[in-house]
Protein backbone atom coordinates (compact mmCIF):
# COMPACT_ATOMS: atom_id res chain seq x y z
CA MET A 1 63.04 -44.10 19.23
CA ASN A 2 62.60 -47.75 19.91
CA LYS A 3 59.66 -48.20 21.03
CA GLN A 4 58.97 -49.77 24.53
CA ALA A 5 55.89 -51.41 26.28
CA THR A 6 54.85 -49.06 29.31
CA THR A 7 53.00 -49.21 32.20
CA SER A 8 51.86 -46.19 34.00
CA PHE A 9 50.49 -45.41 37.79
CA GLU A 10 49.56 -42.52 39.74
CA GLY A 11 49.17 -42.09 43.36
CA TYR A 12 49.63 -39.54 46.33
CA ILE A 13 52.56 -38.60 49.07
CA LEU A 14 51.73 -37.10 51.87
CA PHE A 15 53.73 -33.60 52.66
CA ARG A 16 52.66 -31.69 55.47
CA ASP A 17 49.72 -33.00 56.16
CA ARG A 18 48.48 -32.53 52.46
CA GLN A 19 48.27 -34.89 49.33
CA VAL A 20 50.83 -34.36 46.69
CA TRP A 21 49.55 -36.39 43.27
CA TYR A 22 52.26 -37.97 41.07
CA ARG A 23 52.36 -39.85 38.09
CA ILE A 24 54.93 -42.53 37.21
CA VAL A 25 55.24 -43.69 33.14
CA GLU A 26 57.22 -46.94 33.22
CA PRO A 27 58.81 -49.46 30.45
CA ASN A 28 57.54 -52.87 31.23
CA GLU A 29 61.30 -53.65 30.98
CA GLU A 30 64.66 -52.75 32.77
CA SER A 31 66.80 -50.68 30.43
CA GLY A 32 69.35 -49.21 33.19
CA LYS A 33 68.31 -45.63 31.94
CA LEU A 34 68.61 -43.46 35.05
CA PRO A 35 64.64 -41.81 35.45
CA LEU A 36 63.81 -38.30 34.43
CA LEU A 37 61.87 -36.19 36.72
CA CYS A 38 59.62 -33.76 35.35
CA LEU A 39 59.30 -30.26 37.00
CA HIS A 40 55.81 -27.75 35.65
CA GLY A 41 55.68 -24.40 35.09
CA GLY A 42 53.38 -21.82 36.90
CA PRO A 43 53.69 -21.55 38.73
CA GLY A 44 50.60 -22.87 38.99
CA ILE A 45 50.09 -24.98 35.88
CA PRO A 46 49.72 -28.62 36.35
CA HIS A 47 51.51 -31.27 34.97
CA ASP A 48 49.35 -32.15 32.07
CA TYR A 49 50.77 -30.03 29.19
CA LEU A 50 54.16 -31.86 29.30
CA GLN A 51 52.42 -35.20 28.23
CA PRO A 52 54.79 -35.32 25.11
CA LEU A 53 57.52 -36.18 27.52
CA GLU A 54 55.69 -39.53 28.59
CA ALA A 55 56.93 -40.87 25.14
CA LEU A 56 60.61 -41.16 26.81
CA ALA A 57 59.35 -44.26 28.64
CA HIS A 58 59.21 -46.06 25.43
CA THR A 59 63.02 -45.49 25.04
CA GLY A 60 63.62 -47.86 28.22
CA ARG A 61 63.64 -44.40 30.48
CA ARG A 62 61.03 -43.96 33.30
CA ILE A 63 59.39 -41.08 33.69
CA ILE A 64 58.02 -38.99 36.68
CA PHE A 65 55.60 -36.09 37.03
CA TYR A 66 53.42 -34.50 39.85
CA ASP A 67 51.44 -31.89 40.69
CA GLN A 68 52.82 -28.60 42.95
CA LEU A 69 50.77 -27.90 45.80
CA GLY A 70 47.86 -25.96 44.80
CA CYS A 71 47.44 -26.74 41.45
CA GLY A 72 45.90 -30.04 39.33
CA ASN A 73 45.33 -33.31 41.21
CA SER A 74 47.09 -32.05 44.19
CA ASP A 75 45.74 -30.48 47.38
CA ARG A 76 45.46 -26.82 47.70
CA ALA A 77 45.93 -24.23 50.71
CA LYS A 78 43.42 -22.54 52.59
CA ASN A 79 46.02 -20.28 53.37
CA ALA A 80 48.01 -18.94 50.32
CA ASP A 81 50.81 -17.40 52.50
CA LEU A 82 51.76 -20.79 52.94
CA TYR A 83 53.21 -21.09 49.59
CA SER A 84 56.75 -19.92 48.52
CA ILE A 85 59.96 -20.68 47.14
CA ASP A 86 60.70 -22.40 50.01
CA TRP A 87 57.81 -24.78 50.25
CA PHE A 88 58.08 -26.06 46.47
CA LYS A 89 61.96 -26.49 47.50
CA ASP A 90 61.20 -28.95 50.34
CA GLU A 91 58.63 -30.55 48.59
CA LEU A 92 60.32 -31.62 45.64
CA VAL A 93 62.60 -33.36 48.41
CA ALA A 94 59.52 -34.93 49.81
CA ILE A 95 58.65 -36.11 46.32
CA ARG A 96 62.75 -37.43 45.79
CA ARG A 97 62.54 -39.49 49.44
CA GLU A 98 59.00 -40.91 49.29
CA LEU A 99 59.56 -42.03 45.18
CA ASP A 100 62.98 -43.53 46.12
CA LEU A 101 64.48 -41.28 43.51
CA GLU A 102 68.18 -41.33 44.64
CA GLN A 103 69.55 -40.95 41.18
CA ILE A 104 68.10 -39.06 38.32
CA HIS A 105 67.83 -36.52 35.41
CA LEU A 106 65.68 -33.52 36.18
CA PHE A 107 63.80 -31.48 34.00
CA GLY A 108 61.90 -28.16 34.44
CA GLN A 109 59.68 -26.13 32.31
CA SER A 110 59.57 -22.58 33.29
CA TRP A 111 58.78 -21.87 36.52
CA GLY A 112 60.00 -25.42 37.11
CA GLY A 113 63.22 -24.82 35.70
CA CYS A 114 64.06 -22.03 38.40
CA LEU A 115 62.49 -24.78 40.76
CA ALA A 116 65.29 -27.10 39.54
CA LEU A 117 67.94 -24.46 40.03
CA GLU A 118 66.98 -23.87 43.36
CA HIS A 119 67.03 -27.86 43.80
CA THR A 120 70.70 -27.94 42.74
CA LEU A 121 72.08 -24.90 44.27
CA SER A 122 71.15 -26.47 47.60
CA GLN A 123 73.63 -29.35 47.27
CA ALA A 124 71.24 -32.23 46.01
CA THR A 125 72.72 -35.21 46.13
CA GLY A 126 71.88 -37.67 43.08
CA LEU A 127 71.78 -35.70 40.21
CA ALA A 128 73.02 -37.35 37.09
CA SER A 129 72.19 -34.15 34.77
CA LEU A 130 70.17 -30.63 35.06
CA VAL A 131 67.54 -30.03 31.76
CA LEU A 132 66.26 -26.47 32.06
CA ALA A 133 63.40 -25.83 29.08
CA ASN A 134 62.41 -22.20 28.98
CA THR A 135 63.74 -21.01 32.24
CA PRO A 136 65.45 -17.65 33.30
CA ALA A 137 68.02 -17.04 35.37
CA SER A 138 66.20 -13.91 36.84
CA VAL A 139 62.52 -13.45 36.97
CA ARG A 140 63.24 -9.48 36.93
CA GLN A 141 64.86 -9.86 33.48
CA PHE A 142 62.18 -12.23 32.18
CA VAL A 143 58.94 -9.50 33.09
CA ASP A 144 61.74 -6.56 31.42
CA GLU A 145 61.84 -8.78 28.51
CA ALA A 146 58.13 -10.14 28.36
CA TYR A 147 57.27 -5.82 28.25
CA ARG A 148 59.70 -5.29 25.64
CA LEU A 149 58.01 -8.14 23.35
CA MET A 150 54.79 -6.59 24.12
CA ASN A 151 55.73 -3.38 22.84
CA GLU A 152 56.38 -5.81 19.40
CA LEU A 153 52.98 -6.16 19.25
CA PRO A 154 49.95 -4.41 17.67
CA ALA A 155 49.58 -0.96 18.93
CA ASP A 156 45.94 -1.75 19.65
CA ILE A 157 46.96 -4.47 21.59
CA LYS A 158 49.46 -3.23 23.58
CA GLU A 159 47.33 -0.34 24.70
CA MET A 160 44.47 -2.82 25.82
CA ILE A 161 47.15 -4.68 27.72
CA HIS A 162 49.06 -1.59 29.52
CA LYS A 163 45.39 0.18 30.06
CA HIS A 164 44.04 -2.71 32.08
CA GLU A 165 46.91 -3.51 34.13
CA THR A 166 47.17 0.04 34.92
CA ALA A 167 43.96 -0.16 36.19
CA GLY A 168 43.55 -3.92 37.93
CA THR A 169 41.12 -4.92 35.46
CA THR A 170 42.72 -7.70 34.26
CA GLN A 171 39.63 -9.63 34.75
CA ASP A 172 38.14 -7.70 31.92
CA PRO A 173 36.79 -9.85 28.72
CA ASP A 174 38.82 -7.20 26.30
CA TYR A 175 42.38 -7.64 28.26
CA LYS A 176 42.08 -11.68 28.28
CA GLN A 177 41.11 -11.28 24.47
CA ALA A 178 44.62 -9.16 24.21
CA ILE A 179 46.61 -11.45 26.21
CA GLU A 180 45.49 -14.22 24.09
CA VAL A 181 47.29 -12.25 21.27
CA PHE A 182 50.57 -11.93 23.20
CA SER A 183 50.22 -16.04 24.31
CA HIS A 184 50.00 -16.93 20.43
CA CYS A 185 53.22 -15.30 19.60
CA PHE A 186 55.06 -15.93 22.31
CA LEU A 187 53.91 -18.72 24.92
CA CYS A 188 52.53 -21.63 22.51
CA ARG A 189 51.94 -20.54 18.65
CA LEU A 190 49.93 -23.92 17.88
CA ASP A 191 46.36 -23.13 17.02
CA PRO A 192 44.27 -24.31 18.10
CA TYR A 193 46.02 -25.39 21.47
CA PRO A 194 46.57 -29.02 22.00
CA SER A 195 44.11 -30.91 24.48
CA CYS A 196 46.93 -31.16 27.25
CA LEU A 197 47.63 -27.62 27.21
CA THR A 198 43.80 -26.12 27.57
CA GLN A 199 43.75 -29.33 30.18
CA ALA A 200 46.18 -27.86 32.00
CA TYR A 201 45.32 -24.63 32.27
CA SER A 202 41.84 -26.11 33.64
CA LYS A 203 43.48 -27.45 36.40
CA ALA A 204 45.94 -24.57 37.05
CA GLY A 205 45.54 -22.96 40.60
CA THR A 206 45.68 -19.76 41.85
CA GLU A 207 47.77 -19.39 45.22
CA PHE A 208 51.13 -18.64 43.49
CA ARG A 209 50.54 -17.62 39.94
CA GLY A 210 52.52 -14.79 38.29
CA ALA A 211 55.68 -13.04 39.31
CA GLY A 212 54.24 -11.10 42.36
CA LYS A 213 55.70 -13.54 44.59
CA ILE A 214 58.91 -14.30 43.24
CA ILE A 215 59.65 -10.86 41.05
CA ASP A 216 62.81 -10.65 42.84
CA TRP A 217 64.55 -14.63 42.37
CA SER A 218 67.57 -14.52 40.73
CA VAL A 219 70.53 -17.16 40.26
CA GLU A 220 72.52 -15.64 38.21
CA ASP A 221 75.53 -14.98 41.00
CA ARG A 222 75.56 -18.42 41.75
CA LEU A 223 75.36 -20.03 38.48
CA SER A 224 79.00 -20.87 38.55
CA GLU A 225 78.28 -23.41 41.53
CA ILE A 226 76.38 -25.82 39.35
CA SER A 227 78.52 -28.30 38.25
CA VAL A 228 76.56 -31.46 36.47
CA PRO A 229 76.02 -31.68 32.88
CA THR A 230 73.47 -29.00 32.08
CA LEU A 231 71.01 -28.81 28.62
CA LEU A 232 69.49 -24.78 28.15
CA LEU A 233 66.27 -25.64 25.63
CA SER A 234 64.06 -22.70 24.46
CA GLY A 235 62.22 -21.27 21.44
CA ARG A 236 63.41 -18.85 18.82
CA TYR A 237 59.84 -16.87 20.07
CA ASP A 238 60.16 -17.81 23.59
CA GLN A 239 58.48 -15.09 26.23
CA VAL A 240 61.79 -16.46 28.06
CA THR A 241 64.07 -14.67 25.21
CA PRO A 242 67.58 -15.52 24.20
CA ALA A 243 68.43 -12.73 26.11
CA CYS A 244 67.31 -14.69 29.54
CA VAL A 245 68.79 -17.70 28.56
CA GLU A 246 72.16 -16.53 27.87
CA PRO A 247 72.86 -15.82 31.64
CA LEU A 248 72.60 -19.51 31.94
CA LYS A 249 74.83 -20.31 29.41
CA GLN A 250 77.63 -18.24 30.07
CA GLY A 251 77.53 -19.02 33.94
CA ILE A 252 76.74 -22.54 34.06
CA SER A 253 80.26 -24.42 33.16
CA GLY A 254 80.06 -26.98 29.84
CA SER A 255 76.43 -25.90 29.49
CA GLU A 256 74.65 -26.84 26.04
CA TRP A 257 72.34 -24.60 24.62
CA VAL A 258 69.22 -25.83 21.66
CA LEU A 259 67.47 -23.01 20.23
CA PHE A 260 63.90 -24.47 18.42
CA GLU A 261 63.90 -21.78 15.46
CA ASN A 262 60.02 -22.55 15.08
CA SER A 263 58.56 -22.12 18.67
CA SER A 264 57.96 -19.85 21.27
CA HIS A 265 57.91 -20.90 25.42
CA MET A 266 56.79 -25.01 25.07
CA PRO A 267 58.79 -26.31 21.76
CA HIS A 268 57.57 -29.80 23.69
CA LEU A 269 54.63 -28.88 21.97
CA GLU A 270 55.51 -27.09 18.77
CA GLU A 271 58.38 -29.12 18.12
CA THR A 272 57.79 -32.11 20.04
CA GLU A 273 59.64 -34.34 17.67
CA GLY A 274 63.02 -32.77 17.45
CA PHE A 275 62.61 -31.84 21.17
CA LEU A 276 62.26 -35.06 22.20
CA GLN A 277 65.49 -36.02 20.11
CA VAL A 278 67.32 -33.83 21.73
CA LEU A 279 66.85 -34.75 24.99
CA GLU A 280 67.04 -38.47 24.99
CA GLU A 281 70.35 -37.88 22.97
CA PHE A 282 71.29 -35.29 26.03
CA LEU A 283 70.63 -37.65 28.66
CA ASN A 284 72.12 -40.82 26.54
CA ARG A 285 75.24 -38.91 26.32
CA VAL A 286 75.26 -38.10 29.92
CA GLU A 287 75.01 -41.83 31.40
CA HIS A 288 77.47 -42.89 28.74
CA ASP A 289 80.10 -40.86 29.64
CA ARG A 290 79.11 -41.05 33.43
CA ASN A 291 79.96 -44.65 33.23
CA GLY A 292 83.51 -44.65 32.64
CA TYR A 293 83.48 -44.21 28.48
CA GLN A 294 85.46 -41.65 27.09
CA ILE A 295 83.57 -38.36 25.05
CA GLY A 296 83.33 -39.24 21.57
CA ASP A 297 83.87 -43.13 21.81
CA ARG A 298 80.22 -43.81 21.12
CA ASN A 299 80.75 -47.17 19.71
CA SER A 300 82.36 -48.87 23.26
């Protein structure tokens, strides 16, 4: 990647009387490239673990992060019932409006990809492309696949997880230790975890965590409505298994899928160089093609 000097700054926007924090990393010289707006996962795991994406600013592209309400540097709501998919959809619209993000590439990781799908399907304008990293089309399918993966773990680990989830004792240290085994297999295979990931977990919110509130979420029957260029990214050992990604590939016409062979749920951390290369090449190609060049005419 060509290294350009960058500048970063952060601030807040006001959304329904609450402060939503954002961070922008941008090149010091204008390149004409469209910005990349990044949506973090969880729900409730703030932006910090997406830090490697900041490197794309060195190629001349503005990169925007924000912490969804309830986690990270943004406000919490006293009433957890406020949090819903519609809430976060409206929050995303507010971010785009307040930061003047009319024309963008939209990147979503895990739950952030679900939110990106919802935004795209709301007939949002100004989307040059959609990048879905480690994203399912159906939460129920994701949960079913996660339990299938759990059954591949050693018997004592599997039994410990089942025991405490059945009893509702998921704060027990033995349960947390067993979940760590699962996470190092299917969430992030790096040991130790990168500092940006541990920092994100230290600032996580709890109000909208887990699949409970979104267990029935699915867009499988609407994927044919998506017409923007779409890139799918996932890991061979991802808790969002290839079976979860396949409906996206089949449902979104012309979508591309890159499977990272040495990664689980976070290839942007586990195979950073290759991940950034694939992502930047896709974004550049989309901009090249949308500016009137014929596909394949890369030397124009």
